[in-house]
Protein backbone atom coordinates (compact mmCIF):
# COMPACT_ATOMS: atom_id res chain seq x y z
CA UNK A 1 80.04 100.74 141.68
CA UNK A 2 79.78 102.81 138.51
CA UNK A 3 76.33 103.30 137.01
CA UNK A 4 75.66 101.58 133.69
CA UNK A 5 75.81 104.63 131.46
CA UNK A 6 77.00 104.59 127.85
CA UNK A 7 78.53 108.01 128.36
CA UNK A 8 80.63 106.96 131.39
CA UNK A 9 84.15 105.72 130.84
CA UNK A 10 86.32 104.10 133.47
CA UNK A 11 90.03 104.69 132.96
CA UNK A 12 92.24 102.35 134.96
CA UNK A 13 95.90 103.27 135.22
CA UNK A 14 97.98 100.29 136.25
CA UNK A 15 101.47 100.32 137.63
CA UNK A 16 103.95 100.29 140.44
CA UNK A 17 105.04 103.74 141.57
CA UNK A 18 108.57 102.50 142.35
CA UNK A 19 109.46 100.32 139.34
CA UNK A 20 110.59 102.89 136.76
CA UNK A 21 108.66 102.45 133.48
CA UNK A 22 106.04 100.31 135.23
CA UNK A 23 104.63 103.52 136.73
CA UNK A 24 103.58 104.93 133.34
CA UNK A 25 99.98 103.68 133.62
CA UNK A 26 99.59 105.63 136.83
CA UNK A 27 101.07 108.75 135.22
CA UNK A 28 98.64 108.57 132.28
CA UNK A 29 95.71 108.17 134.68
CA UNK A 30 96.84 111.23 136.64
CA UNK A 31 97.12 113.34 133.50
CA UNK A 32 93.60 112.36 132.41
CA UNK A 33 92.25 113.00 135.93
CA UNK A 34 93.59 116.59 135.81
CA UNK A 35 91.37 117.29 132.79
CA UNK A 36 88.27 116.61 134.93
CA UNK A 37 85.93 115.22 132.31
CA UNK A 38 82.56 114.50 133.95
CA UNK A 39 82.13 111.36 131.84
CA UNK A 40 85.44 109.83 133.01
CA UNK A 41 86.09 108.02 136.26
CA UNK A 42 89.80 107.48 136.89
CA UNK A 43 91.19 104.74 139.11
CA UNK A 44 94.72 103.63 139.87
CA UNK A 45 95.39 99.93 140.39
CA UNK A 46 98.38 97.65 140.90
CA UNK A 47 97.28 95.23 138.18
CA UNK A 48 96.06 92.45 140.44
CA UNK A 49 93.33 90.65 138.51
CA UNK A 50 90.57 90.38 141.11
CA UNK A 51 90.94 94.08 142.00
CA UNK A 52 90.59 94.95 138.30
CA UNK A 53 87.46 92.82 137.96
CA UNK A 54 85.98 94.56 140.98
CA UNK A 55 86.96 98.01 139.66
CA UNK A 56 85.21 97.54 136.31
CA UNK A 57 82.12 95.76 137.67
CA UNK A 58 79.01 97.53 136.38
CA UNK A 59 80.91 99.57 133.80
CA UNK A 60 80.09 99.73 130.11
CA UNK A 61 83.31 101.26 128.78
CA UNK A 62 86.77 100.67 130.23
CA UNK A 63 90.19 101.88 129.16
CA UNK A 64 93.13 100.11 130.77
CA UNK A 65 96.60 101.66 130.63
CA UNK A 66 99.71 99.69 131.58
CA UNK A 67 103.37 99.19 130.76
CA UNK A 68 104.12 96.00 128.84
CA UNK A 69 107.17 93.91 128.14
CA UNK A 70 107.10 91.94 124.91
CA UNK A 71 110.63 92.44 123.65
CA UNK A 72 109.90 95.06 120.99
CA UNK A 73 111.34 98.58 120.82
CA UNK A 74 110.74 100.58 124.03
CA UNK A 75 107.97 103.11 123.59
CA UNK A 76 105.98 100.96 121.14
CA UNK A 77 102.27 101.54 121.72
CA UNK A 78 99.84 98.64 121.64
CA UNK A 79 96.11 99.31 121.35
CA UNK A 80 93.97 96.23 121.86
CA UNK A 81 90.20 96.08 121.64
CA UNK A 82 89.79 93.33 124.24
CA UNK A 83 86.22 92.57 123.17
CA UNK A 84 87.40 91.23 119.84
CA UNK A 85 90.92 90.10 120.62
CA UNK A 86 92.78 88.29 123.39
CA UNK A 87 95.30 90.30 125.37
CA UNK A 88 98.65 88.48 125.25
CA UNK A 89 99.52 87.21 128.73
CA UNK A 90 103.24 87.64 127.98
CA UNK A 91 102.80 91.44 127.95
CA UNK A 92 102.37 91.55 131.70
CA UNK A 93 105.07 89.21 132.95
CA UNK A 94 106.54 92.03 135.02
CA UNK A 95 103.36 92.08 137.11
CA UNK A 96 103.95 91.26 140.74
CA UNK A 97 100.71 89.28 140.73
CA UNK A 98 100.16 85.85 139.24
CA UNK A 99 96.61 86.87 138.29
CA UNK A 100 97.37 89.57 135.73
CA UNK A 101 95.43 91.95 133.47
CA UNK A 102 95.23 89.39 130.66
CA UNK A 103 93.98 86.65 132.98
CA UNK A 104 91.39 88.98 134.56
CA UNK A 105 90.07 89.87 131.12
CA UNK A 106 89.79 86.22 130.10
CA UNK A 107 88.12 85.19 133.36
CA UNK A 108 85.60 88.04 133.12
CA UNK A 109 84.89 87.05 129.52
CA UNK A 110 84.29 83.43 130.61
CA UNK A 111 82.10 84.51 133.53
CA UNK A 112 80.14 86.88 131.26
CA UNK A 113 80.95 89.83 133.54
CA UNK A 114 83.06 91.59 130.93
CA UNK A 115 82.24 95.25 130.16
CA UNK A 116 80.75 96.03 126.75
CA UNK A 117 83.85 97.91 125.62
CA UNK A 118 87.39 97.36 126.88
CA UNK A 119 90.36 99.06 125.29
CA UNK A 120 93.84 98.18 126.54
CA UNK A 121 96.73 100.53 125.87
CA UNK A 122 100.15 99.11 126.53
CA UNK A 123 103.43 100.94 126.18
CA UNK A 124 106.56 98.83 125.83
CA UNK A 125 108.80 99.58 128.78
CA UNK A 126 112.59 99.67 128.82
CA UNK A 127 113.40 99.62 132.54
CA UNK A 128 111.43 97.84 135.26
CA UNK A 129 114.07 98.10 137.97
CA UNK A 130 113.55 99.86 141.30
CA UNK A 131 113.29 103.60 140.85
CA UNK A 132 110.97 106.40 139.86
CA UNK A 133 112.44 107.54 136.53
CA UNK A 134 110.54 106.88 133.31
CA UNK A 135 112.50 106.19 130.13
CA UNK A 136 112.40 108.95 127.51
CA UNK A 137 110.80 106.74 124.82
CA UNK A 138 108.11 105.55 127.24
CA UNK A 139 107.33 109.11 128.36
CA UNK A 140 106.97 110.30 124.75
CA UNK A 141 104.63 107.43 123.93
CA UNK A 142 102.59 108.12 127.05
CA UNK A 143 101.97 111.65 125.81
CA UNK A 144 100.60 110.20 122.55
CA UNK A 145 98.35 107.80 124.47
CA UNK A 146 97.02 110.66 126.62
CA UNK A 147 96.15 112.58 123.45
CA UNK A 148 94.39 109.53 121.95
CA UNK A 149 92.39 108.99 125.13
CA UNK A 150 91.48 112.68 125.36
CA UNK A 151 90.17 112.65 121.77
CA UNK A 152 88.04 109.61 122.58
CA UNK A 153 86.70 111.16 125.78
CA UNK A 154 85.91 114.48 124.06
CA UNK A 155 83.96 112.61 121.38
CA UNK A 156 81.96 110.74 124.04
CA UNK A 157 81.23 113.84 126.11
CA UNK A 158 79.80 115.87 123.20
């Protein structure tokens, strides 16, 4: 369990290592982990809802990173403040679990176990087939998301 500390941020990278663009959440988490910010705890998850709820239990600030599929241009970045806005369930229909990120967020909100701050970054994927390659547009967008997260983390850690 993570201590309740305003200056601690939990970054959860979600994905499947072997489903092409779906692995991008894991890649972003690994890039952030390499920076070794003391105020950031990095976890990798598959996206299964109960595991997510357990991972963020006791946390104040959570950043979730995942690939999404909504039908827009691949590489499109979505930034959703989940405290003030619902996360569209349709984003995560490629999840291998019926209990997805969006459902976990809504259940935690209902159960009043939701962290104080939850930011969801989604990058529109192009290819969710078996494989380990990430589409060019998705990779470029991931680099932008890493930079945005790093700016946020630097601001928190000062």
